[in-house]
Each structure stands twice: as C-alpha cells, then as structure tokens.
Amino acid sequence: MTPEQNDLITLSKPGTPLGDLLRRYWQPVAISDELEGARPLKAVKLLGQDLVLFRDEAGQLGLVDRDCPHRGADLAFGRLEDGGLRCPFHGWLFDVNGKCLETPAEPNPAFCNRIRQKAYPVRERGGMIFAWLGPVDENGEPPALPALDCLTAPDSHVFSFKGYLDCNWLQALEVGMDPAHASFLHRYFEDAEADASYGKQFRAHSTDSDLPMTKVLREYDCPEIAVASTDSGLRITTLRHLDGGDTHVRITNVLFPQAFVIPLSSTMTITQWHVPIDDHSCYWYAMFTSFAEPVDKPLMREQRLQLYTLPDYMPRVGRHNDWGFDPAEQRMRTFTGMGEDINVHDQWAVESQGRIQDRTREHLGTTDKAIVAYRVMLIGQIKQLQKGESPLALAAGGDAATGPATIDGVAPAGTSPDSYWREAVSRLRAEASWDVPVLAL
C-alpha cells in the first residue's frame, strides 16, 4: 500500500474523501448515560468536528457546532435554559435545531431571525445516541436509522458502552475482522466455568456444544476462513475442524463502513462501531443485544468500569503504562502478560501499531483476506462517491439490513457448516423473547 492510499482510508476530517463517505452514515456520538445528571450537556469531537451535544428542558436532543455564530465563544460552557442552549458571552439562545430564539442585547427583537447555528440530526436507541453529519433531503431530514437487531430490540435487551483508543479508527476496526488473532492474542490457558462467562467475550460455551470457546481457540489455531459480500458489508465464515469430525463454525460480519457484528454468547451479539474523534484517536461504541432474557446492565457496566474510567471512558491501562504488561505474568500465567481482559489485548494490538498504522510496511497473509476485501470495498466506495454516485446504503425498515446474522457453534460431523449456521441462526431468532424481525438467509 502506498502512503497516499493509506491517507485515503484513514483521514476523516471535513473535506477529505473518507470524511465525505463516513458522513453518509449514522455515527455514534455518545452513550445516553453521558447526558445524565444536573447538566445534560457534553462537548464532543466527531470526525474532526467540534460539537456540543445537549438535552433541553423538554428532553429533546440537540447537536450543534461548538463555536457560537456571534463571535466564536465556546458553547460547551453554555446555560441550558428557556428552551435551549444560551451562550454566556452575550446571551444568544439556540434551540436543538440551531434556530436562534433570542439575541437579548440587540434592540431589534427580529434580529435573531437572521441567525442560525449549524445543527445536526440525532437519534437515540438502546442507550446510544447517533448523529448524522451528512447531507439531508429537501425537507431537512436524514435517512432513517438502519434496521439492525441492536436498534430494533427493546431497551431492556440492549446494553451500550464505549471506550477510548489512542489510535486511528481503521486499525481499531480491522482487528475485529481478523479471526486468526483470537487463538493467540486472546489465548486462555484455563477454561472458566460457564456461569462465570456472562458478559465476557470468548469465555462462553459454543452453541449446540459444551465445548468452551477458549478451548476451541487454544487448540485449533489454524482456521479456514472465507469472506463473502453482503447487502450490508462482508460476512466472514471461520471454520475450525475439531477432533472427531465436528466443525466449529463462527459467523461474523463487517457492517459497512465501520462496524462489526460478532457473537458474545449463544444468545447475545455485539455490534461495535469504531468512530473517529480525529485522525489519531477514536472511540469504540458497542451495543450488546440479547435474544433471550433482558441484559443484566448493572453487571455489564460494573465489568467494564473495572477497565474504564468516567466521565470520558478512558482506559486505566494504555500506552502511558505499557498496557499493564508484566513479563513475569507473561512467563508464568497469561499469553500476553496483560491480564485476562480481551479489551486490553485488542487495545495493545491496535495502539502499539502507532497512532496511524504505516500500512506500507505490513506483509499480509491468507488469514488477512477479510481485511484485504474490506480495504478494496472501502476504496471502491470512496471512489464511487467521488464520481457522484451513492455509496452502499444500509436498508431501513425490516428488510435486508436486519441482523446481520452472527453465531459461533459446533456443527455435528457430516453436517454442512453452511446449513448448520443458517439453521442455528433461524432457531435463535425464532426462540427469542422479543419480536425479532424475520431474517432472509
């Protein structure tokens, strides 16, 4: 890859080709919890833009440019009152749509009608707040949110969280489309009890089996990987052929342009976006969706706050303290020497590549076929948009974008892995405790 190609797929500020593409998709901008408390307002940076997210007195969400259109003062220090956000400099007041309601020091009361602050559509689902920074239709409306499982499930069955990464968004995303790394980076030397696996990646048993996922990854470290294009991105099929003729089947997805959808357990999935703050840092935003019982949100939150601090969801370990690396631990107890939380493992893997990975120096192998396919897709969609054509759109309403299907399970000997995962996914959805839309497989 050339330096110019690397820039093309990593730099997302306004006016860049990638930035133009990403602005054609809904972007997670905050967790709903971030607007709890006495002052529901937060300064945010998204795709290199400085913004202010707030909830007005009526509970409506607003997202506006951070600089006041009067003389550029910082609206993140504004007052939430009188139906909007008021700038402390001269008292100019803006509603959630950017309309100026008052310019109190101006003698002409109609002066405010000439003022407009740039505002962006926002939507809230499952404890996550999404923003639209791209073009809108003639009525000022953005496209509907896509019909993903995590966005159609009842709030009781979805838990949302996020975490900061000190690196470019793309290398953070690419780790999720690499099935081979889990056998090494996330290797556990001992298998935990099933009742201790709740909410933890790679600690549960596989579907239709009492085989721990940790054992599968540890003992079968050379998987067979296939990649297929779908209406929403890419489907990655990973097969591990077990002793005795059974096959471990893992289906994961790249949700274009910047998310992946993977199984957490036999009844819970993770949809995780990687969203640029700027070119050198990002947040991962995850929605955990249960098809069975409601999510134990207090436990899920408690688990993740062992690693992240509030209010900014900063990791307790990172580049500043060598990701908690302990050579004695690596020698005696864990594969990485960085504890047992896979979020730390992934954080080291992506941050240690540098704040923007130099892809001119990498040597990709056959296990990287999903990464190659994704980069081809990303560059193709950027070029398509540059030609004035619409990029890949995620469908809204209960059609092709619903899902996408994801699972890890064990297909019995003599069973087609493809037939197995489709039947297992259909069974999971049919037995769900909420009204899951039908998924065409």
Protein backbone atom coordinates (compact mmCIF):
# COMPACT_ATOMS: atom_id res chain seq x y z
CA MET A 1 0.00 0.00 0.00
CA THR A 2 1.29 3.48 -0.83
CA PRO A 3 1.34 6.38 1.66
CA GLU A 4 -1.35 8.10 -0.44
CA GLN A 5 -3.62 5.06 -0.25
CA ASN A 6 -3.08 4.85 3.50
CA ASP A 7 -4.10 8.50 3.87
CA LEU A 8 -7.16 7.91 1.69
CA ILE A 9 -8.59 5.24 4.03
CA THR A 10 -7.57 6.73 7.38
CA LEU A 11 -8.07 10.54 7.31
CA SER A 12 -11.65 11.62 8.02
CA LYS A 13 -11.67 15.38 8.68
CA PRO A 14 -14.17 17.56 6.80
CA GLY A 15 -13.33 17.78 3.11
CA THR A 16 -11.36 14.52 2.91
CA PRO A 17 -12.62 11.72 0.62
CA LEU A 18 -13.04 9.33 3.56
CA GLY A 19 -14.66 12.06 5.64
CA ASP A 20 -17.20 12.66 2.89
CA LEU A 21 -18.01 8.93 2.83
CA LEU A 22 -18.36 8.47 6.60
CA ARG A 23 -20.71 11.46 6.73
CA ARG A 24 -23.18 9.43 4.64
CA TYR A 25 -23.72 7.10 7.60
CA TRP A 26 -25.14 7.47 11.10
CA GLN A 27 -22.31 7.80 13.63
CA PRO A 28 -22.50 7.00 17.35
CA VAL A 29 -21.70 10.22 19.19
CA ALA A 30 -22.37 9.39 22.86
CA ILE A 31 -23.83 6.96 25.36
CA SER A 32 -27.14 8.15 26.80
CA ASP A 33 -25.61 7.91 30.29
CA GLU A 34 -23.26 10.75 29.37
CA LEU A 35 -26.20 13.18 29.46
CA GLU A 36 -27.44 12.09 32.86
CA GLY A 37 -27.13 14.43 35.82
CA ALA A 38 -27.88 18.05 36.57
CA ARG A 39 -26.32 19.42 33.39
CA PRO A 40 -27.10 17.22 30.36
CA LEU A 41 -24.53 18.77 28.03
CA LYS A 42 -21.29 17.41 26.63
CA ALA A 43 -18.58 18.72 24.31
CA VAL A 44 -17.85 16.08 21.69
CA LYS A 45 -15.48 15.71 18.78
CA LEU A 46 -16.61 13.59 15.85
CA LEU A 47 -14.79 13.11 12.54
CA GLY A 48 -12.58 16.06 13.43
CA GLN A 49 -15.53 18.41 14.12
CA ASP A 50 -16.00 20.16 17.46
CA LEU A 51 -19.63 19.91 18.57
CA VAL A 52 -21.88 20.27 21.59
CA LEU A 53 -24.46 17.60 22.43
CA PHE A 54 -27.24 18.52 24.86
CA ARG A 55 -30.71 17.64 26.07
CA ASP A 56 -33.08 20.59 26.55
CA GLU A 57 -35.60 21.05 29.34
CA ALA A 58 -38.23 19.14 27.35
CA GLY A 59 -35.90 16.16 26.91
CA GLN A 60 -35.15 16.85 23.24
CA LEU A 61 -31.63 16.13 21.98
CA GLY A 62 -29.59 18.72 20.12
CA LEU A 63 -26.19 18.61 18.43
CA VAL A 64 -24.68 21.91 17.25
CA ASP A 65 -21.34 23.35 16.25
CA ARG A 66 -19.32 24.27 19.30
CA ASP A 67 -18.44 27.86 18.34
CA CYS A 68 -21.17 30.47 18.81
CA PRO A 69 -22.06 32.12 15.46
CA HIS A 70 -21.84 35.55 17.12
CA ARG A 71 -18.14 35.80 17.95
CA GLY A 72 -16.99 32.20 18.28
CA ALA A 73 -17.24 31.68 22.04
CA ASP A 74 -17.39 28.09 23.32
CA LEU A 75 -20.97 26.84 23.62
CA ALA A 76 -19.80 23.88 25.72
CA PHE A 77 -19.93 26.35 28.63
CA GLY A 78 -23.46 27.45 27.76
CA ARG A 79 -26.51 27.60 30.00
CA LEU A 80 -29.37 25.15 29.48
CA GLU A 81 -32.43 27.31 29.98
CA ASP A 82 -35.50 28.85 28.35
CA GLY A 83 -35.93 26.08 25.81
CA GLY A 84 -32.38 25.81 24.53
CA LEU A 85 -28.67 26.47 24.93
CA ARG A 86 -27.66 30.02 25.83
CA CYS A 87 -24.19 31.42 25.17
CA PRO A 88 -22.76 33.08 28.32
CA PHE A 89 -20.95 35.74 26.24
CA HIS A 90 -23.96 37.79 25.05
CA GLY A 91 -26.92 35.59 25.93
CA TRP A 92 -27.76 34.36 22.47
CA LEU A 93 -30.12 31.38 22.77
CA PHE A 94 -30.35 28.41 20.37
CA ASP A 95 -32.81 25.52 20.25
CA VAL A 96 -31.99 21.90 19.38
CA ASN A 97 -32.44 22.66 15.67
CA GLY A 98 -29.97 25.56 15.73
CA LYS A 99 -32.67 28.22 15.49
CA CYS A 100 -31.73 31.39 17.34
CA LEU A 101 -34.52 32.19 19.80
CA GLU A 102 -33.08 35.33 21.42
CA THR A 103 -30.36 37.94 20.96
CA PRO A 104 -31.24 39.89 24.12
CA ALA A 105 -28.72 42.73 23.82
CA GLU A 106 -29.91 43.64 20.31
CA PRO A 107 -32.53 46.42 20.22
CA ASN A 108 -34.31 44.83 17.25
CA PRO A 109 -36.11 41.68 18.53
CA ALA A 110 -36.30 40.33 14.97
CA PHE A 111 -32.51 40.29 14.64
CA CYS A 112 -32.41 36.71 15.94
CA ASN A 113 -34.44 35.53 12.96
CA ARG A 114 -31.39 36.11 10.76
CA ILE A 115 -29.15 33.87 12.89
CA ARG A 116 -28.80 30.12 12.58
CA GLN A 117 -26.35 27.80 14.31
CA LYS A 118 -25.37 24.70 12.36
CA ALA A 119 -27.25 21.75 13.87
CA TYR A 120 -27.18 18.04 13.09
CA PRO A 121 -29.91 15.38 13.33
CA VAL A 122 -29.62 12.98 16.28
CA ARG A 123 -31.45 9.79 17.19
CA GLU A 124 -31.43 7.71 20.38
CA ARG A 125 -31.79 3.93 20.53
CA GLY A 126 -30.88 1.35 23.15
CA GLY A 127 -28.85 3.75 25.29
CA MET A 128 -26.85 5.03 22.29
CA ILE A 129 -27.06 8.46 20.62
CA PHE A 130 -26.37 8.64 16.88
CA ALA A 131 -25.57 11.72 14.81
CA TRP A 132 -25.91 12.47 11.09
CA LEU A 133 -23.28 14.87 9.74
CA GLY A 134 -24.04 14.39 6.05
CA PRO A 135 -26.46 15.85 3.50
CA VAL A 136 -30.21 15.80 4.20
CA ASP A 137 -33.23 15.73 1.90
CA GLU A 138 -35.28 18.70 0.71
CA ASN A 139 -37.24 18.60 3.97
CA GLY A 140 -34.07 18.67 6.06
CA GLU A 141 -34.45 15.01 7.01
CA PRO A 142 -31.64 12.43 7.13
CA PRO A 143 -32.12 8.78 6.14
CA ALA A 144 -33.74 6.52 8.72
CA LEU A 145 -31.56 4.54 11.07
CA PRO A 146 -30.83 1.11 9.61
CA ALA A 147 -32.94 -1.84 10.74
CA LEU A 148 -30.27 -3.61 12.77
CA ASP A 149 -31.13 -6.02 15.58
CA CYS A 150 -29.48 -3.76 18.15
CA LEU A 151 -31.63 -0.81 17.02
CA THR A 152 -34.94 -2.70 16.92
CA ALA A 153 -34.62 -4.69 20.17
CA PRO A 154 -36.38 -3.37 23.29
CA ASP A 155 -34.17 -1.24 25.52
CA SER A 156 -34.32 -3.93 28.22
CA HIS A 157 -32.42 -6.26 25.90
CA VAL A 158 -29.67 -3.86 24.85
CA PHE A 159 -26.68 -2.55 26.81
CA SER A 160 -24.47 0.20 25.38
CA PHE A 161 -20.94 1.14 26.33
CA LYS A 162 -17.86 2.74 24.79
CA GLY A 163 -14.12 3.09 25.26
CA TYR A 164 -11.33 5.39 24.10
CA LEU A 165 -8.49 4.21 21.85
CA ASP A 166 -5.33 6.22 21.28
CA CYS A 167 -5.07 5.41 17.58
CA ASN A 168 -6.73 5.81 14.20
CA TRP A 169 -10.18 4.30 13.76
CA LEU A 170 -9.24 1.95 10.92
CA GLN A 171 -6.71 -0.21 12.74
CA ALA A 172 -9.19 -0.46 15.62
CA LEU A 173 -11.86 -1.74 13.22
CA GLU A 174 -9.58 -4.14 11.37
CA VAL A 175 -8.78 -6.20 14.47
CA GLY A 176 -12.44 -7.25 14.56
CA MET A 177 -12.32 -8.75 11.06
CA ASP A 178 -9.26 -10.91 11.78
CA PRO A 179 -10.41 -14.35 13.01
CA ALA A 180 -6.92 -15.83 13.41
CA HIS A 181 -5.64 -13.45 16.06
CA ALA A 182 -8.04 -14.71 18.72
CA SER A 183 -6.16 -18.04 19.02
CA PHE A 184 -3.07 -16.16 20.12
CA LEU A 185 -3.85 -12.68 21.44
CA HIS A 186 -6.85 -13.95 23.43
CA ARG A 187 -5.45 -17.32 24.42
CA TYR A 188 -6.52 -18.59 27.84
CA PHE A 189 -4.61 -21.45 29.43
CA GLU A 190 -7.59 -22.50 31.54
CA ASP A 191 -11.30 -22.73 30.76
CA ALA A 192 -13.62 -20.82 33.08
CA GLU A 193 -16.88 -22.21 34.42
CA ALA A 194 -19.86 -21.40 32.21
CA ASP A 195 -21.65 -19.49 34.98
CA ALA A 196 -18.69 -17.08 35.19
CA SER A 197 -18.75 -16.24 31.49
CA TYR A 198 -21.67 -13.80 31.38
CA GLY A 199 -20.81 -10.61 29.52
CA LYS A 200 -17.31 -11.79 28.61
CA GLN A 201 -16.04 -12.40 25.10
CA PHE A 202 -14.62 -15.86 24.27
CA ARG A 203 -15.50 -17.24 27.72
CA ALA A 204 -18.88 -18.83 26.98
CA HIS A 205 -19.61 -22.26 25.53
CA SER A 206 -20.35 -22.58 21.85
CA THR A 207 -23.91 -23.10 20.65
CA ASP A 208 -25.03 -26.76 20.50
CA SER A 209 -21.99 -27.82 22.50
CA ASP A 210 -20.49 -27.90 25.97
CA LEU A 211 -17.15 -27.02 24.39
CA PRO A 212 -15.69 -23.78 25.79
CA MET A 213 -14.73 -21.22 23.18
CA THR A 214 -11.41 -20.81 24.99
CA LYS A 215 -10.56 -24.44 24.30
CA VAL A 216 -11.50 -24.12 20.62
CA LEU A 217 -9.27 -21.10 20.12
CA ARG A 218 -6.37 -22.57 22.09
CA GLU A 219 -6.26 -26.00 20.45
CA TYR A 220 -7.31 -25.18 16.88
CA ASP A 221 -5.24 -22.19 15.85
CA CYS A 222 -5.21 -22.56 12.04
CA PRO A 223 -8.78 -21.79 10.93
CA GLU A 224 -10.30 -21.99 7.47
CA ILE A 225 -11.56 -18.50 6.57
CA ALA A 226 -13.99 -17.46 3.83
CA VAL A 227 -15.27 -13.96 3.01
CA ALA A 228 -18.45 -13.08 1.10
CA SER A 229 -20.01 -9.74 0.13
CA THR A 230 -23.45 -8.98 1.58
CA ASP A 231 -26.01 -6.19 1.34
CA SER A 232 -24.52 -4.62 4.47
CA GLY A 233 -20.80 -5.30 4.02
CA LEU A 234 -18.97 -8.60 4.44
CA ARG A 235 -19.73 -11.97 6.01
CA ILE A 236 -16.73 -13.81 7.48
CA THR A 237 -17.03 -17.57 7.96
CA THR A 238 -14.39 -19.17 10.17
CA LEU A 239 -14.22 -22.96 10.43
CA ARG A 240 -12.13 -24.93 12.90
CA HIS A 241 -12.21 -28.67 12.21
CA LEU A 242 -12.37 -30.47 15.55
CA ASP A 243 -11.21 -33.93 16.51
CA GLY A 244 -13.92 -36.46 15.82
CA GLY A 245 -15.27 -34.76 12.71
CA ASP A 246 -17.31 -31.90 14.23
CA THR A 247 -16.72 -28.37 12.93
CA HIS A 248 -16.67 -25.19 14.95
CA VAL A 249 -18.46 -22.54 12.90
CA ARG A 250 -18.12 -18.83 13.63
CA ILE A 251 -20.01 -16.26 11.56
CA THR A 252 -19.05 -12.60 11.98
CA ASN A 253 -19.78 -9.52 9.89
CA VAL A 254 -18.29 -6.25 8.76
CA LEU A 255 -21.12 -3.73 8.82
CA PHE A 256 -20.01 -1.13 6.30
CA PRO A 257 -18.43 1.28 6.76
CA GLN A 258 -17.06 0.98 10.28
CA ALA A 259 -18.68 -1.62 12.49
CA PHE A 260 -18.53 -5.33 13.07
CA VAL A 261 -21.19 -7.69 14.37
CA ILE A 262 -19.99 -10.73 16.34
CA PRO A 263 -21.39 -13.26 18.83
CA LEU A 264 -20.74 -12.77 22.54
CA SER A 265 -22.53 -15.96 23.59
CA SER A 266 -25.15 -18.34 22.25
CA THR A 267 -27.89 -15.74 22.90
CA MET A 268 -26.12 -12.37 22.79
CA THR A 269 -24.44 -10.40 20.00
CA ILE A 270 -22.18 -7.35 19.87
CA THR A 271 -22.49 -4.58 17.30
CA GLN A 272 -19.41 -2.39 17.63
CA TRP A 273 -18.61 0.80 15.75
CA HIS A 274 -15.18 2.44 15.55
CA VAL A 275 -15.73 6.17 15.30
CA PRO A 276 -13.00 8.76 14.62
CA ILE A 277 -12.63 11.51 17.18
CA ASP A 278 -9.89 12.85 14.94
CA ASP A 279 -7.27 11.17 12.77
CA HIS A 280 -5.22 9.96 15.77
CA SER A 281 -7.88 8.75 18.20
CA CYS A 282 -11.27 7.07 18.24
CA TYR A 283 -13.96 5.58 20.43
CA TRP A 284 -15.37 2.10 20.10
CA TYR A 285 -19.12 2.06 20.70
CA ALA A 286 -20.71 -1.30 21.45
CA MET A 287 -24.34 -2.40 21.69
CA PHE A 288 -24.79 -5.81 23.36
CA THR A 289 -28.09 -7.35 22.24
CA SER A 290 -29.75 -10.29 23.99
CA PHE A 291 -32.22 -12.55 22.20
CA ALA A 292 -33.17 -14.34 25.42
CA GLU A 293 -33.53 -12.71 28.84
CA PRO A 294 -33.09 -8.95 29.43
CA VAL A 295 -29.48 -7.81 29.75
CA ASP A 296 -28.05 -7.55 33.27
CA LYS A 297 -26.99 -3.95 32.71
CA PRO A 298 -25.58 -3.27 36.19
CA LEU A 299 -23.29 -6.31 35.91
CA MET A 300 -22.21 -5.46 32.36
CA ARG A 301 -21.45 -1.90 33.40
CA GLU A 302 -19.57 -2.99 36.53
CA GLN A 303 -17.43 -5.38 34.47
CA ARG A 304 -16.42 -2.68 32.02
CA LEU A 305 -15.79 0.02 34.61
CA GLN A 306 -13.04 -2.18 36.00
CA LEU A 307 -11.09 -1.14 32.91
CA TYR A 308 -12.53 2.28 32.02
CA THR A 309 -12.90 5.50 34.00
CA LEU A 310 -15.66 8.08 33.78
CA PRO A 311 -16.64 10.60 32.54
CA ASP A 312 -14.58 10.16 29.37
CA TYR A 313 -14.44 6.33 29.18
CA MET A 314 -10.66 6.37 29.32
CA PRO A 315 -8.84 3.04 29.79
CA ARG A 316 -6.96 2.53 33.03
CA VAL A 317 -4.07 0.98 31.12
CA GLY A 318 -2.58 2.03 27.82
CA ARG A 319 0.41 3.48 26.08
CA HIS A 320 1.22 5.54 29.20
CA ASN A 321 1.86 2.44 31.34
CA ASP A 322 2.76 -0.21 28.76
CA TRP A 323 -0.79 -1.59 28.79
CA GLY A 324 -0.10 -3.12 32.21
CA PHE A 325 2.47 -5.50 30.76
CA ASP A 326 4.11 -7.79 33.31
CA PRO A 327 6.91 -10.05 31.95
CA ALA A 328 6.59 -12.38 34.92
CA GLU A 329 2.89 -12.80 34.21
CA GLN A 330 3.62 -13.49 30.54
CA ARG A 331 6.18 -16.12 31.51
CA MET A 332 4.03 -17.89 34.08
CA ARG A 333 0.33 -17.11 33.74
CA THR A 334 -1.04 -15.43 30.56
CA PHE A 335 -0.15 -15.41 26.89
CA THR A 336 0.14 -11.60 26.64
CA GLY A 337 1.27 -10.67 30.15
CA MET A 338 -1.53 -8.07 30.10
CA GLY A 339 -4.21 -9.71 32.21
CA GLU A 340 -7.30 -11.58 31.09
CA ASP A 341 -9.49 -8.79 29.67
CA ILE A 342 -9.57 -9.06 25.88
CA ASN A 343 -10.24 -5.33 25.57
CA VAL A 344 -6.73 -4.70 26.90
CA HIS A 345 -5.30 -7.25 24.45
CA ASP A 346 -7.01 -5.57 21.50
CA GLN A 347 -6.06 -2.13 22.80
CA TRP A 348 -2.38 -3.10 22.87
CA ALA A 349 -2.58 -4.66 19.40
CA VAL A 350 -4.04 -1.58 17.74
CA GLU A 351 -2.36 1.17 19.74
CA SER A 352 1.09 -0.41 19.50
CA GLN A 353 0.88 -0.06 15.70
CA GLY A 354 1.20 3.71 16.14
CA ARG A 355 -1.44 6.38 16.11
CA ILE A 356 -1.85 5.83 12.37
CA GLN A 357 -0.56 2.45 11.23
CA ASP A 358 2.00 2.61 8.42
CA ARG A 359 0.48 0.05 6.07
CA THR A 360 3.34 0.43 3.60
CA ARG A 361 5.39 -1.78 5.94
CA GLU A 362 2.95 -4.64 6.53
CA HIS A 363 3.05 -8.11 4.97
CA LEU A 364 -0.45 -9.56 4.78
CA GLY A 365 -1.12 -13.31 4.80
CA THR A 366 -4.02 -15.54 3.84
CA THR A 367 -5.68 -15.05 7.22
CA ASP A 368 -5.97 -11.34 6.37
CA LYS A 369 -8.34 -11.95 3.46
CA ALA A 370 -11.20 -10.12 5.18
CA ILE A 371 -9.02 -7.09 5.79
CA VAL A 372 -7.98 -7.07 2.13
CA ALA A 373 -11.61 -7.43 0.98
CA TYR A 374 -12.69 -4.62 3.28
CA ARG A 375 -9.99 -2.23 2.08
CA VAL A 376 -10.95 -2.93 -1.53
CA MET A 377 -14.58 -2.23 -0.65
CA LEU A 378 -13.71 0.95 1.26
CA ILE A 379 -11.58 2.39 -1.55
CA GLY A 380 -14.23 1.41 -4.09
CA GLN A 381 -16.99 3.17 -2.14
CA ILE A 382 -14.86 6.31 -1.72
CA LYS A 383 -14.25 6.42 -5.47
CA GLN A 384 -17.93 5.77 -6.16
CA LEU A 385 -18.89 8.77 -4.03
CA GLN A 386 -16.23 10.91 -5.72
CA LYS A 387 -17.91 10.14 -9.05
CA GLY A 388 -21.20 11.45 -7.68
CA GLU A 389 -22.74 8.02 -7.15
CA SER A 390 -24.42 6.92 -3.92
CA PRO A 391 -22.37 4.61 -1.67
CA LEU A 392 -23.60 1.34 -0.17
CA ALA A 393 -26.66 2.09 1.93
CA LEU A 394 -27.88 0.09 4.93
CA ALA A 395 -31.55 -0.64 4.43
CA ALA A 396 -34.18 0.71 6.78
CA GLY A 397 -37.42 -0.89 7.85
CA GLY A 398 -37.32 -4.81 8.27
CA ASP A 399 -35.51 -5.77 5.12
CA ALA A 400 -32.03 -6.85 4.06
CA ALA A 401 -30.11 -4.92 6.70
CA THR A 402 -31.95 -6.56 9.61
CA GLY A 403 -29.45 -8.62 11.59
CA PRO A 404 -26.92 -9.30 10.32
CA ALA A 405 -26.66 -12.97 11.32
CA THR A 406 -23.83 -13.96 13.64
CA ILE A 407 -23.13 -17.07 15.69
CA ASP A 408 -20.49 -19.46 16.92
CA GLY A 409 -21.48 -23.07 17.33
CA VAL A 410 -20.49 -26.64 16.61
CA ALA A 411 -21.82 -28.42 13.54
CA PRO A 412 -22.00 -32.21 14.03
CA ALA A 413 -19.88 -34.45 11.84
CA GLY A 414 -21.45 -34.95 8.44
CA THR A 415 -23.41 -31.67 8.63
CA SER A 416 -22.73 -28.88 6.16
CA PRO A 417 -21.30 -25.89 8.10
CA ASP A 418 -23.28 -23.53 5.87
CA SER A 419 -26.56 -25.32 6.52
CA TYR A 420 -25.75 -25.58 10.22
CA TRP A 421 -25.22 -21.87 10.89
CA ARG A 422 -28.30 -20.85 8.93
CA GLU A 423 -30.46 -23.29 10.90
CA ALA A 424 -28.87 -22.23 14.20
CA VAL A 425 -29.46 -18.53 13.49
CA SER A 426 -33.07 -19.15 12.47
CA ARG A 427 -33.64 -21.15 15.66
CA LEU A 428 -32.10 -18.40 17.82
CA ARG A 429 -34.37 -15.78 16.29
CA ALA A 430 -37.48 -17.96 16.41
CA GLU A 431 -36.95 -18.65 20.13
CA ALA A 432 -36.15 -15.02 21.04
CA SER A 433 -38.06 -13.41 23.90
CA TRP A 434 -38.91 -10.33 21.79
CA ASP A 435 -40.39 -9.87 18.35
CA VAL A 436 -37.31 -10.36 16.20
CA PRO A 437 -37.82 -9.49 12.51
CA VAL A 438 -37.55 -12.36 10.04
CA LEU A 439 -34.08 -12.55 8.53
CA ALA A 440 -33.56 -13.75 4.97
CA LEU A 441 -30.61 -16.17 4.98
